[in-house]
Amino acid sequence: MADPSSCAHCSIYERLDWTVSTHRDEILTVLSKLESNGKGFVQPQQLVAEFEAIPEAFGEVSKNIQEALVLSPYLALAIRPRPGVWEHIRINMKTLDVEELPVAEYLMMKEELVDGR
């Protein structure tokens, strides 16, 4: 796949999938650090700061992250690319698989963190 970072019609999922596949080692280092902090909510600005060390890592996507959850082995992201549009993405922090996440599953992950299960 060509670099979708400048692709206006590419989805957030496609951009993140490309980024993770092209920067595997750097992304794995950051995700391992996030996972070592344990499960919980991650402030979007903290996530952006972690990924700033990786050139072109999340680019425009990072500016649109509204919420991030760490629930091992996943990092789940709620991304709002424009008003009224949300995308939810899950990244497996072990295998670096990126997948679109249905809203219901995202909310279940969030409830699991809040309830402390």
PDB file of N, CA and C in Angstrom:
ATOM      1  N   MET A   1       0.847  -1.173   0.000  1.00  0.00           N
ATOM      2  CA  MET A   1       0.000   0.000   0.000  1.00  0.00           C
ATOM      3  C   MET A   1       0.896   1.241   0.000  1.00  0.00           C
ATOM      4  N   ALA A   2       0.509   2.224  -0.784  1.00  0.00           N
ATOM      5  CA  ALA A   2       1.233   3.493  -0.800  1.00  0.00           C
ATOM      6  C   ALA A   2       0.968   4.224   0.507  1.00  0.00           C
ATOM      7  N   ASP A   3       1.804   5.208   0.785  1.00  0.00           N
ATOM      8  CA  ASP A   3       1.684   5.982   2.023  1.00  0.00           C
ATOM      9  C   ASP A   3       0.331   6.686   2.063  1.00  0.00           C
ATOM     10  N   PRO A   4      -0.566   6.254   2.964  1.00  0.00           N
ATOM     11  CA  PRO A   4      -1.875   6.894   3.037  1.00  0.00           C
ATOM     12  C   PRO A   4      -1.906   8.128   3.915  1.00  0.00           C
ATOM     13  N   SER A   5      -0.766   8.533   4.462  1.00  0.00           N
ATOM     14  CA  SER A   5      -0.776   9.676   5.373  1.00  0.00           C
ATOM     15  C   SER A   5      -1.224  10.957   4.693  1.00  0.00           C
ATOM     16  N   SER A   6      -1.019  11.045   3.403  1.00  0.00           N
ATOM     17  CA  SER A   6      -1.446  12.239   2.674  1.00  0.00           C
ATOM     18  C   SER A   6      -2.694  11.961   1.835  1.00  0.00           C
ATOM     19  N   CYS A   7      -3.289  10.822   2.020  1.00  0.00           N
ATOM     20  CA  CYS A   7      -4.451  10.401   1.252  1.00  0.00           C
ATOM     21  C   CYS A   7      -5.728  10.949   1.892  1.00  0.00           C
ATOM     22  N   ALA A   8      -6.413  11.816   1.187  1.00  0.00           N
ATOM     23  CA  ALA A   8      -7.605  12.464   1.732  1.00  0.00           C
ATOM     24  C   ALA A   8      -8.762  11.494   1.930  1.00  0.00           C
ATOM     25  N   HIS A   9      -8.835  10.461   1.120  1.00  0.00           N
ATOM     26  CA  HIS A   9      -9.965   9.534   1.218  1.00  0.00           C
ATOM     27  C   HIS A   9      -9.656   8.264   2.018  1.00  0.00           C
ATOM     28  N   CYS A  10      -8.451   8.144   2.525  1.00  0.00           N
ATOM     29  CA  CYS A  10      -8.081   6.968   3.315  1.00  0.00           C
ATOM     30  C   CYS A  10      -8.670   7.071   4.719  1.00  0.00           C
ATOM     31  N   SER A  11      -9.085   5.945   5.260  1.00  0.00           N
ATOM     32  CA  SER A  11      -9.665   5.929   6.598  1.00  0.00           C
ATOM     33  C   SER A  11      -8.562   6.014   7.651  1.00  0.00           C
ATOM     34  N   ILE A  12      -8.979   6.331   8.858  1.00  0.00           N
ATOM     35  CA  ILE A  12      -8.050   6.353   9.989  1.00  0.00           C
ATOM     36  C   ILE A  12      -7.423   4.973  10.142  1.00  0.00           C
ATOM     37  N   TYR A  13      -8.256   3.945  10.007  1.00  0.00           N
ATOM     38  CA  TYR A  13      -7.765   2.570  10.114  1.00  0.00           C
ATOM     39  C   TYR A  13      -6.631   2.318   9.117  1.00  0.00           C
ATOM     40  N   GLU A  14      -6.820   2.708   7.869  1.00  0.00           N
ATOM     41  CA  GLU A  14      -5.793   2.495   6.842  1.00  0.00           C
ATOM     42  C   GLU A  14      -4.512   3.259   7.169  1.00  0.00           C
ATOM     43  N   ARG A  15      -4.653   4.468   7.666  1.00  0.00           N
ATOM     44  CA  ARG A  15      -3.472   5.259   8.025  1.00  0.00           C
ATOM     45  C   ARG A  15      -2.704   4.625   9.178  1.00  0.00           C
ATOM     46  N   LEU A  16      -3.428   4.197  10.221  1.00  0.00           N
ATOM     47  CA  LEU A  16      -2.757   3.577  11.371  1.00  0.00           C
ATOM     48  C   LEU A  16      -2.145   2.234  11.009  1.00  0.00           C
ATOM     49  N   ASP A  17      -2.854   1.454  10.208  1.00  0.00           N
ATOM     50  CA  ASP A  17      -2.332   0.152   9.800  1.00  0.00           C
ATOM     51  C   ASP A  17      -1.022   0.325   9.031  1.00  0.00           C
ATOM     52  N   TRP A  18      -0.983   1.284   8.121  1.00  0.00           N
ATOM     53  CA  TRP A  18       0.238   1.552   7.357  1.00  0.00           C
ATOM     54  C   TRP A  18       1.360   2.017   8.289  1.00  0.00           C
ATOM     55  N   THR A  19       1.034   2.915   9.197  1.00  0.00           N
ATOM     56  CA  THR A  19       2.029   3.449  10.123  1.00  0.00           C
ATOM     57  C   THR A  19       2.636   2.345  10.980  1.00  0.00           C
ATOM     58  N   VAL A  20       1.780   1.507  11.540  1.00  0.00           N
ATOM     59  CA  VAL A  20       2.262   0.416  12.395  1.00  0.00           C
ATOM     60  C   VAL A  20       3.121  -0.549  11.594  1.00  0.00           C
ATOM     61  N   SER A  21       2.735  -0.843  10.366  1.00  0.00           N
ATOM     62  CA  SER A  21       3.521  -1.797   9.568  1.00  0.00           C
ATOM     63  C   SER A  21       4.862  -1.212   9.119  1.00  0.00           C
ATOM     64  N   THR A  22       4.957   0.093   8.968  1.00  0.00           N
ATOM     65  CA  THR A  22       6.216   0.686   8.509  1.00  0.00           C
ATOM     66  C   THR A  22       7.135   1.123   9.649  1.00  0.00           C
ATOM     67  N   HIS A  23       6.604   1.240  10.856  1.00  0.00           N
ATOM     68  CA  HIS A  23       7.395   1.663  12.022  1.00  0.00           C
ATOM     69  C   HIS A  23       7.253   0.659  13.169  1.00  0.00           C
ATOM     70  N   ARG A  24       7.269  -0.618  12.850  1.00  0.00           N
ATOM     71  CA  ARG A  24       6.985  -1.675  13.836  1.00  0.00           C
ATOM     72  C   ARG A  24       7.824  -1.559  15.115  1.00  0.00           C
ATOM     73  N   ASP A  25       9.126  -1.455  14.970  1.00  0.00           N
ATOM     74  CA  ASP A  25       9.997  -1.459  16.151  1.00  0.00           C
ATOM     75  C   ASP A  25       9.738  -0.258  17.053  1.00  0.00           C
ATOM     76  N   GLU A  26       9.617   0.914  16.448  1.00  0.00           N
ATOM     77  CA  GLU A  26       9.388   2.119  17.230  1.00  0.00           C
ATOM     78  C   GLU A  26       8.023   2.084  17.923  1.00  0.00           C
ATOM     79  N   ILE A  27       7.012   1.642  17.189  1.00  0.00           N
ATOM     80  CA  ILE A  27       5.662   1.560  17.739  1.00  0.00           C
ATOM     81  C   ILE A  27       5.629   0.538  18.878  1.00  0.00           C
ATOM     82  N   LEU A  28       6.295  -0.596  18.688  1.00  0.00           N
ATOM     83  CA  LEU A  28       6.329  -1.633  19.719  1.00  0.00           C
ATOM     84  C   LEU A  28       6.966  -1.110  21.005  1.00  0.00           C
ATOM     85  N   THR A  29       8.005  -0.307  20.878  1.00  0.00           N
ATOM     86  CA  THR A  29       8.661   0.282  22.051  1.00  0.00           C
ATOM     87  C   THR A  29       7.686   1.171  22.823  1.00  0.00           C
ATOM     88  N   VAL A  30       6.964   2.018  22.118  1.00  0.00           N
ATOM     89  CA  VAL A  30       6.011   2.926  22.769  1.00  0.00           C
ATOM     90  C   VAL A  30       4.859   2.138  23.391  1.00  0.00           C
ATOM     91  N   LEU A  31       4.331   1.160  22.660  1.00  0.00           N
ATOM     92  CA  LEU A  31       3.214   0.375  23.181  1.00  0.00           C
ATOM     93  C   LEU A  31       3.629  -0.438  24.405  1.00  0.00           C
ATOM     94  N   SER A  32       4.845  -0.954  24.396  1.00  0.00           N
ATOM     95  CA  SER A  32       5.341  -1.707  25.553  1.00  0.00           C
ATOM     96  C   SER A  32       5.418  -0.808  26.783  1.00  0.00           C
ATOM     97  N   LYS A  33       5.853   0.427  26.569  1.00  0.00           N
ATOM     98  CA  LYS A  33       5.921   1.389  27.672  1.00  0.00           C
ATOM     99  C   LYS A  33       4.522   1.685  28.223  1.00  0.00           C
ATOM    100  N   LEU A  34       3.563   1.886  27.330  1.00  0.00           N
ATOM    101  CA  LEU A  34       2.184   2.144  27.760  1.00  0.00           C
ATOM    102  C   LEU A  34       1.617   0.944  28.514  1.00  0.00           C
ATOM    103  N   GLU A  35       1.899  -0.251  28.016  1.00  0.00           N
ATOM    104  CA  GLU A  35       1.381  -1.457  28.644  1.00  0.00           C
ATOM    105  C   GLU A  35       2.003  -1.681  30.022  1.00  0.00           C
ATOM    106  N   SER A  36       3.271  -1.314  30.163  1.00  0.00           N
ATOM    107  CA  SER A  36       3.943  -1.518  31.454  1.00  0.00           C
ATOM    108  C   SER A  36       3.346  -0.642  32.561  1.00  0.00           C
ATOM    109  N   ASN A  37       2.667   0.432  32.170  1.00  0.00           N
ATOM    110  CA  ASN A  37       2.000   1.297  33.149  1.00  0.00           C
ATOM    111  C   ASN A  37       0.715   0.668  33.686  1.00  0.00           C
ATOM    112  N   GLY A  38       0.300  -0.442  33.097  1.00  0.00           N
ATOM    113  CA  GLY A  38      -0.915  -1.120  33.534  1.00  0.00           C
ATOM    114  C   GLY A  38      -2.135  -0.616  32.787  1.00  0.00           C
ATOM    115  N   LYS A  39      -3.266  -1.286  33.062  1.00  0.00           N
ATOM    116  CA  LYS A  39      -4.485  -0.911  32.355  1.00  0.00           C
ATOM    117  C   LYS A  39      -5.006   0.424  32.868  1.00  0.00           C
ATOM    118  N   GLY A  40      -5.706   1.090  31.996  1.00  0.00           N
ATOM    119  CA  GLY A  40      -6.283   2.357  32.393  1.00  0.00           C
ATOM    120  C   GLY A  40      -6.479   3.296  31.216  1.00  0.00           C
ATOM    121  N   PHE A  41      -6.904   4.487  31.541  1.00  0.00           N
ATOM    122  CA  PHE A  41      -7.108   5.522  30.541  1.00  0.00           C
ATOM    123  C   PHE A  41      -5.789   6.245  30.310  1.00  0.00           C
ATOM    124  N   VAL A  42      -5.537   6.613  29.073  1.00  0.00           N
ATOM    125  CA  VAL A  42      -4.342   7.371  28.724  1.00  0.00           C
ATOM    126  C   VAL A  42      -4.813   8.709  28.171  1.00  0.00           C
ATOM    127  N   GLN A  43      -4.269   9.780  28.712  1.00  0.00           N
ATOM    128  CA  GLN A  43      -4.619  11.106  28.215  1.00  0.00           C
ATOM    129  C   GLN A  43      -4.132  11.236  26.771  1.00  0.00           C
ATOM    130  N   PRO A  44      -4.960  11.781  25.876  1.00  0.00           N
ATOM    131  CA  PRO A  44      -4.550  11.909  24.482  1.00  0.00           C
ATOM    132  C   PRO A  44      -3.218  12.643  24.310  1.00  0.00           C
ATOM    133  N   GLN A  45      -2.989  13.697  25.116  1.00  0.00           N
ATOM    134  CA  GLN A  45      -1.740  14.445  24.986  1.00  0.00           C
ATOM    135  C   GLN A  45      -0.535  13.587  25.390  1.00  0.00           C
ATOM    136  N   GLN A  46      -0.728  12.656  26.337  1.00  0.00           N
ATOM    137  CA  GLN A  46       0.348  11.752  26.723  1.00  0.00           C
ATOM    138  C   GLN A  46       0.678  10.806  25.566  1.00  0.00           C
ATOM    139  N   LEU A  47      -0.365  10.317  24.909  1.00  0.00           N
ATOM    140  CA  LEU A  47      -0.169   9.426  23.771  1.00  0.00           C
ATOM    141  C   LEU A  47       0.555  10.146  22.636  1.00  0.00           C
ATOM    142  N   VAL A  48       0.123  11.365  22.362  1.00  0.00           N
ATOM    143  CA  VAL A  48       0.770  12.162  21.308  1.00  0.00           C
ATOM    144  C   VAL A  48       2.236  12.392  21.663  1.00  0.00           C
ATOM    145  N   ALA A  49       2.516  12.715  22.921  1.00  0.00           N
ATOM    146  CA  ALA A  49       3.901  12.948  23.347  1.00  0.00           C
ATOM    147  C   ALA A  49       4.748  11.696  23.167  1.00  0.00           C
ATOM    148  N   GLU A  50       4.185  10.538  23.458  1.00  0.00           N
ATOM    149  CA  GLU A  50       4.931   9.282  23.293  1.00  0.00           C
ATOM    150  C   GLU A  50       5.292   9.041  21.826  1.00  0.00           C
ATOM    151  N   PHE A  51       4.364   9.359  20.941  1.00  0.00           N
ATOM    152  CA  PHE A  51       4.578   9.074  19.521  1.00  0.00           C
ATOM    153  C   PHE A  51       5.320  10.183  18.776  1.00  0.00           C
ATOM    154  N   GLU A  52       5.546  11.332  19.416  1.00  0.00           N
ATOM    155  CA  GLU A  52       6.263  12.424  18.756  1.00  0.00           C
ATOM    156  C   GLU A  52       7.690  12.033  18.382  1.00  0.00           C
ATOM    157  N   ALA A  53       8.243  11.087  19.118  1.00  0.00           N
ATOM    158  CA  ALA A  53       9.611  10.655  18.836  1.00  0.00           C
ATOM    159  C   ALA A  53       9.715   9.886  17.527  1.00  0.00           C
ATOM    160  N   ILE A  54       8.592   9.458  16.990  1.00  0.00           N
ATOM    161  CA  ILE A  54       8.590   8.689  15.747  1.00  0.00           C
ATOM    162  C   ILE A  54       8.138   9.601  14.614  1.00  0.00           C
ATOM    163  N   PRO A  55       9.036   9.933  13.708  1.00  0.00           N
ATOM    164  CA  PRO A  55       8.646  10.802  12.596  1.00  0.00           C
ATOM    165  C   PRO A  55       7.474  10.194  11.829  1.00  0.00           C
ATOM    166  N   GLU A  56       6.536  11.018  11.463  1.00  0.00           N
ATOM    167  CA  GLU A  56       5.350  10.651  10.693  1.00  0.00           C
ATOM    168  C   GLU A  56       4.508   9.546  11.324  1.00  0.00           C
ATOM    169  N   ALA A  57       4.705   9.254  12.595  1.00  0.00           N
ATOM    170  CA  ALA A  57       4.014   8.118  13.213  1.00  0.00           C
ATOM    171  C   ALA A  57       2.500   8.203  13.117  1.00  0.00           C
ATOM    172  N   PHE A  58       1.926   9.214  13.691  1.00  0.00           N
ATOM    173  CA  PHE A  58       0.475   9.291  13.651  1.00  0.00           C
ATOM    174  C   PHE A  58      -0.014  10.566  12.982  1.00  0.00           C
ATOM    175  N   GLY A  59       0.889  11.479  12.706  1.00  0.00           N
ATOM    176  CA  GLY A  59       0.551  12.689  11.966  1.00  0.00           C
ATOM    177  C   GLY A  59      -0.765  13.319  12.368  1.00  0.00           C
ATOM    178  N   GLU A  60      -1.617  13.522  11.390  1.00  0.00           N
ATOM    179  CA  GLU A  60      -2.917  14.157  11.616  1.00  0.00           C
ATOM    180  C   GLU A  60      -3.804  13.336  12.539  1.00  0.00           C
ATOM    181  N   VAL A  61      -3.625  12.017  12.516  1.00  0.00           N
ATOM    182  CA  VAL A  61      -4.462  11.151  13.352  1.00  0.00           C
ATOM    183  C   VAL A  61      -4.313  11.512  14.819  1.00  0.00           C
ATOM    184  N   SER A  62      -3.084  11.758  15.271  1.00  0.00           N
ATOM    185  CA  SER A  62      -2.848  12.026  16.688  1.00  0.00           C
ATOM    186  C   SER A  62      -3.575  13.271  17.168  1.00  0.00           C
ATOM    187  N   LYS A  63      -3.774  14.223  16.298  1.00  0.00           N
ATOM    188  CA  LYS A  63      -4.474  15.447  16.676  1.00  0.00           C
ATOM    189  C   LYS A  63      -5.960  15.208  16.930  1.00  0.00           C
ATOM    190  N   ASN A  64      -6.458  14.078  16.435  1.00  0.00           N
ATOM    191  CA  ASN A  64      -7.882  13.784  16.531  1.00  0.00           C
ATOM    192  C   ASN A  64      -8.226  12.716  17.563  1.00  0.00           C
ATOM    193  N   ILE A  65      -7.228  12.218  18.285  1.00  0.00           N
ATOM    194  CA  ILE A  65      -7.497  11.215  19.312  1.00  0.00           C
ATOM    195  C   ILE A  65      -8.209  11.900  20.476  1.00  0.00           C
ATOM    196  N   GLN A  66      -9.366  11.371  20.833  1.00  0.00           N
ATOM    197  CA  GLN A  66     -10.150  11.932  21.929  1.00  0.00           C
ATOM    198  C   GLN A  66      -9.959  11.154  23.220  1.00  0.00           C
ATOM    199  N   GLU A  67      -9.695   9.845  23.073  1.00  0.00           N
ATOM    200  CA  GLU A  67      -9.581   8.997  24.248  1.00  0.00           C
ATOM    201  C   GLU A  67      -8.763   7.764  23.884  1.00  0.00           C
ATOM    202  N   ALA A  68      -8.009   7.267  24.845  1.00  0.00           N
ATOM    203  CA  ALA A  68      -7.223   6.047  24.649  1.00  0.00           C
ATOM    204  C   ALA A  68      -7.346   5.173  25.881  1.00  0.00           C
ATOM    205  N   LEU A  69      -7.514   3.881  25.651  1.00  0.00           N
ATOM    206  CA  LEU A  69      -7.653   2.916  26.735  1.00  0.00           C
ATOM    207  C   LEU A  69      -6.575   1.847  26.597  1.00  0.00           C
ATOM    208  N   VAL A  70      -5.958   1.491  27.696  1.00  0.00           N
ATOM    209  CA  VAL A  70      -5.025   0.371  27.699  1.00  0.00           C
ATOM    210  C   VAL A  70      -5.678  -0.733  28.505  1.00  0.00           C
ATOM    211  N   LEU A  71      -5.961  -1.818  27.836  1.00  0.00           N
ATOM    212  CA  LEU A  71      -6.522  -3.008  28.457  1.00  0.00           C
ATOM    213  C   LEU A  71      -5.815  -4.178  27.783  1.00  0.00           C
ATOM    214  N   SER A  72      -4.723  -4.602  28.417  1.00  0.00           N
ATOM    215  CA  SER A  72      -3.817  -5.572  27.814  1.00  0.00           C
ATOM    216  C   SER A  72      -4.567  -6.757  27.225  1.00  0.00           C
ATOM    217  N   PRO A  73      -4.237  -7.151  26.017  1.00  0.00           N
ATOM    218  CA  PRO A  73      -3.113  -6.711  25.199  1.00  0.00           C
ATOM    219  C   PRO A  73      -3.454  -5.595  24.208  1.00  0.00           C
ATOM    220  N   TYR A  74      -4.512  -4.831  24.476  1.00  0.00           N
ATOM    221  CA  TYR A  74      -4.971  -3.846  23.498  1.00  0.00           C
ATOM    222  C   TYR A  74      -4.787  -2.395  23.933  1.00  0.00           C
ATOM    223  N   LEU A  75      -4.573  -1.571  22.923  1.00  0.00           N
ATOM    224  CA  LEU A  75      -4.697  -0.126  23.041  1.00  0.00           C
ATOM    225  C   LEU A  75      -5.887   0.219  22.163  1.00  0.00           C
ATOM    226  N   ALA A  76      -6.921   0.785  22.751  1.00  0.00           N
ATOM    227  CA  ALA A  76      -8.113   1.168  21.997  1.00  0.00           C
ATOM    228  C   ALA A  76      -8.148   2.686  21.893  1.00  0.00           C
ATOM    229  N   LEU A  77      -8.466   3.171  20.708  1.00  0.00           N
ATOM    230  CA  LEU A  77      -8.486   4.609  20.465  1.00  0.00           C
ATOM    231  C   LEU A  77      -9.858   5.056  19.984  1.00  0.00           C
ATOM    232  N   ALA A  78     -10.338   6.154  20.521  1.00  0.00           N
ATOM    233  CA  ALA A  78     -11.538   6.825  20.026  1.00  0.00           C
ATOM    234  C   ALA A  78     -11.036   8.063  19.297  1.00  0.00           C
ATOM    235  N   ILE A  79     -11.292   8.106  18.005  1.00  0.00           N
ATOM    236  CA  ILE A  79     -10.748   9.167  17.161  1.00  0.00           C
ATOM    237  C   ILE A  79     -11.909   9.907  16.495  1.00  0.00           C
ATOM    238  N   ARG A  80     -11.824  11.216  16.529  1.00  0.00           N
ATOM    239  CA  ARG A  80     -12.866  12.061  15.936  1.00  0.00           C
ATOM    240  C   ARG A  80     -12.224  12.885  14.817  1.00  0.00           C
ATOM    241  N   PRO A  81     -12.230  12.354  13.591  1.00  0.00           N
ATOM    242  CA  PRO A  81     -11.567  13.063  12.489  1.00  0.00           C
ATOM    243  C   PRO A  81     -12.250  14.366  12.084  1.00  0.00           C
ATOM    244  N   ARG A  82     -13.558  14.445  12.322  1.00  0.00           N
ATOM    245  CA  ARG A  82     -14.299  15.687  12.052  1.00  0.00           C
ATOM    246  C   ARG A  82     -15.592  15.638  12.860  1.00  0.00           C
ATOM    247  N   PRO A  83     -16.232  16.769  13.042  1.00  0.00           N
ATOM    248  CA  PRO A  83     -17.449  16.798  13.857  1.00  0.00           C
ATOM    249  C   PRO A  83     -18.480  15.765  13.384  1.00  0.00           C
ATOM    250  N   GLY A  84     -19.010  15.018  14.337  1.00  0.00           N
ATOM    251  CA  GLY A  84     -20.048  14.035  14.035  1.00  0.00           C
ATOM    252  C   GLY A  84     -19.539  12.706  13.519  1.00  0.00           C
ATOM    253  N   VAL A  85     -18.227  12.569  13.371  1.00  0.00           N
ATOM    254  CA  VAL A  85     -17.662  11.320  12.850  1.00  0.00           C
ATOM    255  C   VAL A  85     -16.659  10.773  13.856  1.00  0.00           C
ATOM    256  N   TRP A  86     -16.878   9.534  14.275  1.00  0.00           N
ATOM    257  CA  TRP A  86     -15.985   8.866  15.211  1.00  0.00           C
ATOM    258  C   TRP A  86     -15.503   7.567  14.592  1.00  0.00           C
ATOM    259  N   GLU A  87     -14.265   7.237  14.856  1.00  0.00           N
ATOM    260  CA  GLU A  87     -13.725   5.934  14.482  1.00  0.00           C
ATOM    261  C   GLU A  87     -13.078   5.350  15.721  1.00  0.00           C
ATOM    262  N   HIS A  88     -13.263   4.060  15.899  1.00  0.00           N
ATOM    263  CA  HIS A  88     -12.676   3.360  17.043  1.00  0.00           C
ATOM    264  C   HIS A  88     -11.737   2.292  16.495  1.00  0.00           C
ATOM    265  N   ILE A  89     -10.519   2.305  16.981  1.00  0.00           N
ATOM    266  CA  ILE A  89      -9.464   1.415  16.497  1.00  0.00           C
ATOM    267  C   ILE A  89      -8.872   0.671  17.680  1.00  0.00           C
ATOM    268  N   ARG A  90      -8.533  -0.576  17.452  1.00  0.00           N
ATOM    269  CA  ARG A  90      -7.867  -1.380  18.482  1.00  0.00           C
ATOM    270  C   ARG A  90      -6.545  -1.872  17.906  1.00  0.00           C
ATOM    271  N   ILE A  91      -5.476  -1.674  18.684  1.00  0.00           N
ATOM    272  CA  ILE A  91      -4.148  -2.153  18.300  1.00  0.00           C
ATOM    273  C   ILE A  91      -3.722  -3.199  19.320  1.00  0.00           C
ATOM    274  N   ASN A  92      -3.394  -4.392  18.845  1.00  0.00           N
ATOM    275  CA  ASN A  92      -2.879  -5.427  19.726  1.00  0.00           C
ATOM    276  C   ASN A  92      -1.424  -5.071  20.014  1.00  0.00           C
ATOM    277  N   MET A  93      -1.100  -4.839  21.276  1.00  0.00           N
ATOM    278  CA  MET A  93       0.243  -4.374  21.641  1.00  0.00           C
ATOM    279  C   MET A  93       1.292  -5.471  21.566  1.00  0.00           C
ATOM    280  N   LYS A  94       0.878  -6.716  21.389  1.00  0.00           N
ATOM    281  CA  LYS A  94       1.831  -7.832  21.257  1.00  0.00           C
ATOM    282  C   LYS A  94       2.127  -8.132  19.790  1.00  0.00           C
ATOM    283  N   THR A  95       1.055  -8.230  18.987  1.00  0.00           N
ATOM    284  CA  THR A  95       1.207  -8.622  17.588  1.00  0.00           C
ATOM    285  C   THR A  95       1.200  -7.440  16.623  1.00  0.00           C
ATOM    286  N   LEU A  96       0.819  -6.263  17.125  1.00  0.00           N
ATOM    287  CA  LEU A  96       0.686  -5.035  16.347  1.00  0.00           C
ATOM    288  C   LEU A  96      -0.377  -5.133  15.258  1.00  0.00           C
ATOM    289  N   ASP A  97      -1.361  -5.994  15.474  1.00  0.00           N
ATOM    290  CA  ASP A  97      -2.502  -6.051  14.560  1.00  0.00           C
ATOM    291  C   ASP A  97      -3.382  -4.840  14.827  1.00  0.00           C
ATOM    292  N   VAL A  98      -3.821  -4.195  13.761  1.00  0.00           N
ATOM    293  CA  VAL A  98      -4.688  -3.024  13.856  1.00  0.00           C
ATOM    294  C   VAL A  98      -6.042  -3.424  13.287  1.00  0.00           C
ATOM    295  N   GLU A  99      -7.098  -3.106  14.027  1.00  0.00           N
ATOM    296  CA  GLU A  99      -8.421  -3.446  13.523  1.00  0.00           C
ATOM    297  C   GLU A  99      -9.436  -2.380  13.925  1.00  0.00           C
ATOM    298  N   GLU A 100     -10.446  -2.251  13.081  1.00  0.00           N
ATOM    299  CA  GLU A 100     -11.539  -1.356  13.417  1.00  0.00           C
ATOM    300  C   GLU A 100     -12.320  -1.990  14.552  1.00  0.00           C
ATOM    301  N   LEU A 101     -12.801  -1.169  15.447  1.00  0.00           N
ATOM    302  CA  LEU A 101     -13.469  -1.649  16.650  1.00  0.00           C
ATOM    303  C   LEU A 101     -14.903  -1.136  16.667  1.00  0.00           C
ATOM    304  N   PRO A 102     -15.873  -2.041  16.721  1.00  0.00           N
ATOM    305  CA  PRO A 102     -17.267  -1.581  16.811  1.00  0.00           C
ATOM    306  C   PRO A 102     -17.479  -0.765  18.092  1.00  0.00           C
ATOM    307  N   VAL A 103     -18.344   0.203  18.025  1.00  0.00           N
ATOM    308  CA  VAL A 103     -18.600   1.085  19.160  1.00  0.00           C
ATOM    309  C   VAL A 103     -18.975   0.279  20.403  1.00  0.00           C
ATOM    310  N   ALA A 104     -19.810  -0.732  20.238  1.00  0.00           N
ATOM    311  CA  ALA A 104     -20.254  -1.533  21.391  1.00  0.00           C
ATOM    312  C   ALA A 104     -19.064  -2.190  22.091  1.00  0.00           C
ATOM    313  N   GLU A 105     -18.110  -2.691  21.327  1.00  0.00           N
ATOM    314  CA  GLU A 105     -16.929  -3.319  21.932  1.00  0.00           C
ATOM    315  C   GLU A 105     -16.050  -2.278  22.624  1.00  0.00           C
ATOM    316  N   TYR A 106     -15.923  -1.108  22.022  1.00  0.00           N
ATOM    317  CA  TYR A 106     -15.152  -0.036  22.644  1.00  0.00           C
ATOM    318  C   TYR A 106     -15.772   0.326  23.997  1.00  0.00           C
ATOM    319  N   LEU A 107     -17.086   0.480  24.018  1.00  0.00           N
ATOM    320  CA  LEU A 107     -17.771   0.833  25.257  1.00  0.00           C
ATOM    321  C   LEU A 107     -17.653  -0.274  26.303  1.00  0.00           C
ATOM    322  N   MET A 108     -17.655  -1.542  25.874  1.00  0.00           N
ATOM    323  CA  MET A 108     -17.468  -2.639  26.831  1.00  0.00           C
ATOM    324  C   MET A 108     -16.070  -2.586  27.440  1.00  0.00           C
ATOM    325  N   MET A 109     -15.059  -2.261  26.619  1.00  0.00           N
ATOM    326  CA  MET A 109     -13.703  -2.126  27.148  1.00  0.00           C
ATOM    327  C   MET A 109     -13.649  -0.996  28.170  1.00  0.00           C
ATOM    328  N   LYS A 110     -14.290   0.099  27.847  1.00  0.00           N
ATOM    329  CA  LYS A 110     -14.315   1.260  28.732  1.00  0.00           C
ATOM    330  C   LYS A 110     -15.007   0.913  30.055  1.00  0.00           C
ATOM    331  N   GLU A 111     -16.130   0.214  29.980  1.00  0.00           N
ATOM    332  CA  GLU A 111     -16.855  -0.195  31.182  1.00  0.00           C
ATOM    333  C   GLU A 111     -15.993  -1.142  32.025  1.00  0.00           C
ATOM    334  N   GLU A 112     -15.266  -2.023  31.376  1.00  0.00           N
ATOM    335  CA  GLU A 112     -14.403  -2.945  32.096  1.00  0.00           C
ATOM    336  C   GLU A 112     -13.343  -2.193  32.905  1.00  0.00           C
ATOM    337  N   LEU A 113     -12.796  -1.124  32.325  1.00  0.00           N
ATOM    338  CA  LEU A 113     -11.817  -0.308  33.053  1.00  0.00           C
ATOM    339  C   LEU A 113     -12.463   0.419  34.230  1.00  0.00           C
ATOM    340  N   VAL A 114     -13.622   0.984  34.000  1.00  0.00           N
ATOM    341  CA  VAL A 114     -14.309   1.746  35.039  1.00  0.00           C
ATOM    342  C   VAL A 114     -14.726   0.832  36.183  1.00  0.00           C
ATOM    343  N   ASP A 115     -15.251  -0.346  35.828  1.00  0.00           N
ATOM    344  CA  ASP A 115     -15.723  -1.299  36.840  1.00  0.00           C
ATOM    345  C   ASP A 115     -14.587  -2.021  37.529  1.00  0.00           C
ATOM    346  N   GLY A 116     -13.387  -1.943  36.968  1.00  0.00           N
ATOM    347  CA  GLY A 116     -12.234  -2.600  37.577  1.00  0.00           C
ATOM    348  C   GLY A 116     -12.215  -4.107  37.435  1.00  0.00           C
ATOM    349  N   ARG A 117     -12.841  -4.604  36.386  1.00  0.00           N
ATOM    350  CA  ARG A 117     -12.868  -6.052  36.155  1.00  0.00           C
ATOM    351  C   ARG A 117     -11.575  -6.559  35.604  1.00  0.00           C
TER     352      ARG A 117
END
